[in-house]
Protein backbone atom coordinates (compact mmCIF):
# COMPACT_ATOMS: atom_id res chain seq x y z
CA MET A 1 5.84 -36.14 71.16
CA PRO A 2 6.61 -37.62 67.75
CA CYS A 3 4.02 -37.47 64.81
CA VAL A 4 1.99 -40.78 64.49
CA LYS A 5 2.65 -40.72 60.73
CA CYS A 6 5.95 -39.15 59.73
CA GLY A 7 7.62 -39.27 63.25
CA VAL A 8 8.74 -35.62 63.43
CA ASN A 9 8.91 -34.19 66.85
CA LEU A 10 5.85 -31.97 67.70
CA ASP A 11 4.77 -29.81 70.50
CA PRO A 12 2.89 -31.81 73.02
CA HIS A 13 -0.34 -29.64 72.51
CA ALA A 14 -0.27 -29.75 68.60
CA LEU A 15 -3.35 -30.86 66.91
CA PHE A 16 -1.68 -31.06 63.39
CA CYS A 17 1.68 -32.04 62.17
CA PRO A 18 3.26 -28.96 60.32
CA GLN A 19 5.24 -31.29 58.12
CA CYS A 20 2.60 -33.89 56.87
CA GLY A 21 -0.54 -32.12 58.10
CA THR A 22 -1.80 -35.19 59.83
CA ARG A 23 -4.41 -34.58 62.67
CA GLN A 24 -2.82 -36.16 65.75
CA GLU A 25 -6.12 -37.08 67.55
CA GLU A 26 -7.51 -38.89 64.52
CA SER A 27 -4.21 -40.66 63.78
CA SER A 28 -3.94 -41.72 67.52
CA GLU A 29 -7.49 -43.10 67.35
CA SER A 30 -6.67 -44.78 64.12
CA ALA A 31 -3.58 -46.29 65.45
CA ALA A 32 -5.27 -47.44 68.55
CA ALA A 33 -8.11 -49.04 66.40
CA GLN A 34 -5.38 -50.76 64.37
CA GLU A 35 -3.56 -52.09 67.53
CA ALA A 36 -7.08 -53.34 68.85
CA ALA A 37 -7.84 -55.11 65.59
CA ALA A 38 -4.52 -56.71 65.46
CA ALA A 39 -4.73 -57.88 69.13
CA GLU A 40 -8.27 -59.23 68.32
CA GLN A 41 -6.89 -61.02 65.35
CA ALA A 42 -4.01 -62.52 67.22
CA ALA A 43 -6.41 -63.73 69.97
CA GLY A 44 -8.52 -65.30 67.35
CA SER A 45 -5.68 -67.25 65.77
CA ASN A 46 -4.59 -68.38 69.20
CA SER A 47 -8.19 -69.63 70.07
CA GLN A 48 -8.24 -71.46 66.72
CA SER A 49 -4.89 -73.04 67.13
CA ARG A 50 -5.44 -73.97 70.86
CA PRO A 51 -8.09 -76.79 69.91
CA ALA A 52 -5.82 -78.22 67.42
CA ASN A 53 -2.94 -78.39 69.80
CA ASP A 54 -5.23 -79.86 72.53
CA THR A 55 -6.39 -82.39 70.07
CA VAL A 56 -2.93 -83.57 69.15
CA ALA A 57 -1.91 -83.58 72.77
CA LYS A 58 -4.81 -85.70 73.65
CA VAL A 59 -4.15 -88.20 70.77
CA GLN A 60 -0.55 -88.58 71.97
CA GLU A 61 -1.77 -89.04 75.59
CA ASN A 62 -4.15 -91.74 74.46
CA VAL A 63 -1.53 -93.48 72.36
CA SER A 64 0.95 -93.51 75.20
CA LYS A 65 -1.70 -94.82 77.67
CA ALA A 66 -2.83 -97.55 75.23
CA SER A 67 0.88 -98.58 74.64
CA LYS A 68 1.57 -98.85 78.37
CA GLU A 69 -1.62 -100.81 79.04
CA TYR A 70 -0.80 -103.19 76.17
CA TRP A 71 2.72 -103.65 77.35
CA ALA A 72 1.42 -104.72 80.77
CA PHE A 73 -1.12 -106.89 79.14
CA TYR A 74 1.52 -108.60 77.11
CA LYS A 75 3.85 -109.25 79.88
CA ALA A 76 1.22 -110.68 81.94
CA LYS A 77 0.08 -113.13 79.31
CA LEU A 78 3.60 -114.03 78.38
CA LYS A 79 4.53 -114.88 81.96
CA ARG A 80 1.40 -117.06 82.58
CA PRO A 81 -0.18 -117.91 79.32
CA ALA A 82 -2.95 -120.24 80.49
CA ALA A 83 -3.78 -118.93 83.88
CA GLY A 84 -3.27 -115.26 82.90
CA SER A 85 -5.30 -115.46 79.68
CA GLU A 86 -8.12 -117.25 81.45
CA GLN A 87 -8.81 -114.02 83.60
CA SER A 88 -9.12 -111.94 80.39
CA SER A 89 -12.46 -110.46 79.95
CA ALA A 90 -14.38 -107.64 78.20
CA ASP A 91 -12.22 -104.90 79.62
CA GLN A 92 -9.14 -106.33 77.59
CA TRP A 93 -10.93 -106.61 74.22
CA VAL A 94 -8.94 -103.53 72.83
CA ASN A 95 -5.72 -105.38 73.71
CA GLY A 96 -7.10 -108.46 72.01
CA ILE A 97 -7.68 -106.63 68.75
CA ILE A 98 -4.12 -105.26 68.78
CA THR A 99 -2.77 -108.79 69.34
CA VAL A 100 -4.90 -110.11 66.49
CA VAL A 101 -3.65 -107.30 64.12
CA LEU A 102 0.05 -107.86 65.16
CA THR A 103 -0.41 -111.47 64.51
CA ALA A 104 -1.71 -110.89 61.10
CA ILE A 105 1.29 -108.61 60.37
CA MET A 106 4.01 -110.89 61.75
CA LEU A 107 3.28 -113.94 59.73
CA PRO A 108 3.20 -112.46 56.18
CA LEU A 109 6.15 -110.11 56.97
CA SER A 110 8.18 -113.17 58.11
CA MET A 111 7.16 -115.31 55.12
CA TYR A 112 8.10 -112.47 52.78
CA LEU A 113 11.52 -112.16 54.31
CA LEU A 114 11.98 -115.91 54.07
CA TYR A 115 10.88 -115.89 50.48
CA GLN A 116 13.57 -113.20 49.66
CA ILE A 117 16.16 -115.45 51.17
CA HIS A 118 15.01 -119.01 50.63
CA ASN A 119 11.72 -119.31 48.70
CA GLU A 120 11.49 -123.13 49.51
CA TYR A 121 10.15 -122.20 53.04
CA ILE A 122 7.10 -120.77 51.47
CA SER A 123 4.21 -122.98 50.91
CA GLY A 124 2.00 -122.82 47.82
CA PHE A 125 -0.87 -121.52 49.66
CA PHE A 126 0.03 -117.84 49.66
CA MET A 127 1.48 -118.16 46.17
CA THR A 128 -1.88 -119.09 44.74
CA GLY A 129 -2.97 -115.73 43.18
CA TYR A 130 -6.35 -114.56 41.83
CA GLY A 131 -4.85 -112.51 39.08
CA LEU A 132 -4.93 -109.32 41.18
CA PHE A 133 -1.30 -109.26 42.31
CA SER A 134 1.94 -110.05 40.54
CA THR A 135 4.88 -109.03 42.75
CA PRO A 136 6.33 -110.97 45.73
CA PHE A 137 5.67 -107.97 47.91
CA THR A 138 1.86 -107.95 47.21
CA THR A 139 1.59 -111.76 46.87
CA LEU A 140 3.36 -112.55 49.98
CA LEU A 141 2.84 -109.55 52.16
CA VAL A 142 -0.19 -107.47 51.40
CA ARG A 143 -2.57 -110.13 50.21
CA PRO A 144 -1.58 -112.69 53.14
CA PHE A 145 -2.09 -109.91 55.73
CA PHE A 146 -5.71 -109.39 54.73
CA VAL A 147 -6.17 -113.20 54.23
CA ILE A 148 -4.88 -113.91 57.66
CA LEU A 149 -6.79 -110.91 59.19
CA VAL A 150 -10.12 -112.40 57.61
CA LEU A 151 -9.21 -115.85 58.85
CA LEU A 152 -8.72 -114.65 62.30
CA ALA A 153 -11.76 -112.80 62.26
CA VAL A 154 -13.71 -115.88 61.08
CA ILE A 155 -12.01 -117.95 63.83
CA TYR A 156 -13.13 -115.48 66.29
CA GLY A 157 -16.63 -115.63 64.88
CA ALA A 158 -16.60 -119.44 65.09
CA ILE A 159 -15.40 -119.30 68.77
CA TYR A 160 -18.22 -116.87 69.53
CA VAL A 161 -20.84 -119.15 67.97
CA SER A 162 -19.33 -122.08 69.95
CA THR A 163 -19.85 -120.23 73.24
CA ARG A 164 -23.63 -119.80 72.16
CA LEU A 165 -23.69 -123.61 71.44
CA MET A 166 -22.16 -124.34 74.72
CA LYS A 167 -24.78 -122.17 76.41
CA SER A 168 -22.03 -119.88 77.84
CA GLU A 169 -23.14 -116.32 78.80
CA TYR A 170 -20.12 -114.36 77.36
CA SER A 171 -20.14 -111.11 75.30
CA TYR A 172 -18.32 -110.74 72.03
CA LYS A 173 -15.93 -108.48 73.83
CA ASP A 174 -15.18 -111.23 76.42
CA VAL A 175 -14.42 -113.62 73.63
CA LEU A 176 -12.34 -111.20 71.85
CA GLY A 177 -10.33 -110.35 74.94
CA ARG A 178 -9.87 -114.05 75.81
CA PHE A 179 -8.97 -115.01 72.22
CA GLY A 180 -6.39 -112.17 71.99
CA ALA A 181 -4.82 -113.08 75.23
CA TYR A 182 -4.09 -116.60 74.19
CA LEU A 183 -2.70 -115.37 70.93
CA VAL A 184 0.16 -113.56 72.69
CA ILE A 185 2.35 -116.58 72.65
CA PRO A 186 1.78 -117.48 68.93
CA MET A 187 2.39 -113.88 68.02
CA SER A 188 5.67 -113.87 70.14
CA LEU A 189 6.76 -117.03 68.27
CA LEU A 190 6.24 -115.28 64.91
CA ALA A 191 8.11 -112.34 66.19
CA VAL A 192 11.06 -114.72 66.95
CA MET A 193 10.66 -116.06 63.50
CA LEU A 194 10.98 -112.61 62.08
CA LEU A 195 14.16 -112.09 64.08
CA PHE A 196 15.80 -115.36 62.82
CA SER A 197 14.68 -114.34 59.30
CA LEU A 198 16.51 -111.05 59.51
CA ILE A 199 19.71 -112.47 60.92
CA GLY A 200 19.64 -115.34 58.27
CA VAL A 201 19.03 -118.43 60.51
CA TYR A 202 16.52 -119.99 58.18
CA GLN A 203 16.11 -123.24 59.72
CA ALA A 204 15.36 -121.79 63.19
CA ALA A 205 12.90 -119.30 61.39
CA ALA A 206 11.09 -122.25 59.74
CA LEU A 207 10.84 -124.04 63.12
CA PHE A 208 9.33 -121.07 64.76
CA LEU A 209 6.90 -120.71 61.83
CA LEU A 210 5.73 -124.26 62.68
CA LEU A 211 5.61 -123.55 66.45
CA GLY A 212 3.59 -120.44 65.60
CA PHE A 213 0.94 -122.38 63.67
CA LEU A 214 0.84 -125.01 66.47
CA GLY A 215 0.64 -122.18 68.99
CA ALA A 216 -2.38 -120.63 67.15
CA GLY A 217 -4.18 -123.99 67.05
CA THR A 218 -3.55 -124.45 70.88
CA ALA A 219 -4.78 -120.88 71.45
CA ILE A 220 -8.09 -121.83 69.62
CA SER A 221 -8.60 -124.90 71.73
CA TYR A 222 -7.75 -123.13 75.03
CA THR A 223 -10.00 -120.15 74.26
CA ILE A 224 -13.01 -122.29 73.61
CA TYR A 225 -12.39 -124.66 76.66
CA SER A 226 -11.93 -121.46 78.94
CA LEU A 227 -15.30 -120.25 77.78
CA ARG A 228 -17.32 -123.37 78.59
CA ASN A 229 -20.30 -123.19 80.74
CA LYS A 230 -18.89 -124.38 84.16
CA ASP A 231 -22.25 -124.14 85.89
CA SER A 232 -24.46 -126.48 83.67
CA ALA A 233 -23.97 -129.63 81.60
CA GLN A 234 -26.31 -128.40 78.97
CA GLY A 235 -25.14 -127.21 75.63
CA LEU A 236 -22.44 -128.49 73.33
CA ASP A 237 -19.59 -130.16 74.78
CA PRO A 238 -16.21 -128.18 74.56
CA PHE A 239 -14.49 -130.87 72.73
CA TYR A 240 -17.13 -130.74 70.03
CA ALA A 241 -16.91 -126.95 70.07
CA VAL A 242 -13.24 -127.13 69.22
CA LEU A 243 -13.93 -129.53 66.35
CA PHE A 244 -16.65 -127.27 65.03
CA THR A 245 -14.29 -124.35 65.01
CA TYR A 246 -11.60 -126.30 63.31
CA LEU A 247 -14.31 -127.42 60.71
CA ILE A 248 -15.07 -123.77 59.91
CA VAL A 249 -11.37 -123.04 59.45
CA GLY A 250 -10.91 -125.99 57.18
CA ILE A 251 -13.77 -125.03 55.14
CA LEU A 252 -12.46 -121.44 54.85
CA TYR A 253 -9.01 -122.57 53.99
CA TRP A 254 -10.49 -124.87 51.14
CA ILE A 255 -12.38 -121.91 49.83
CA ILE A 256 -9.52 -119.42 49.70
CA SER A 257 -6.91 -121.96 48.54
C-alpha cells in the first residue's frame, strides 16, 4: 500500500514509513477525519444554497403564474369590457393594481416620445414644474408617472367613498378589482398610442391619446354605476356619485396644475 504522506509503496503490515517516518494508522485516521470534515462542509454549503435556489424558483413560479392569470384577465376584459368587467370582484384586485400601474406608465411614456418628436402634442399640464426637475425625461416621464399614479389612487378613493354614499356593500378589493377591469380598454388605447408614437404616426397617436382620456372617464362612470346598490333605493344616486368623483378629480387637477 502507498504511504498516505509521501506515496512510497509500503508493506501492507508496516506501521511506519521508512522514508518519511509517518505512522500509517495516525495518518489514515487524520486523512479520514479530513475527508469527513470536507464532506460535512460540502453538505453544509449545499444545505445553505438549497434554500436560496428554492426561493428563486418559487419567485419565478409566482411571477409566471401571475403573468398567466393577468393575461387571461386582460383578454376577458378586452373581449367584453362592460359585461366582463362587471363580474370582477375582490379575487381580481391584484390584476386591478397591475392595470392601474401599467396605465400610469403608458401615458407619460407615450407623451415623452411624442415630445421628442412633436412637442406641440404635449399640453402645458405636465410641463408645469415645481423646480424639482429640469430635463424632459424627468419632467415628462418620471414626474407624470407619479402624478398619474397619485391621480388614479385618488380616483379609486373617490369611487370607494361613492360606494359608501350609495349604501353599497363592497370591499376596497372589490372596488379595486372592478376599477382595474374597466381600465383595461383605456390602457390598451394608450398602448396603441405608444405604438403609433414609435412608428412616427403622430396624428394617430394624438387621436388615441384623446381616446385614452375619454376611455378613462368612461371607466370611472361604468365602475361607479356597476357598484350601485341594486337592492335598495336608499343612498346617493349613481349619477350624483359620478359627479362627486369628477368633482374630486377636478379639485385635484386644480391643485397639482
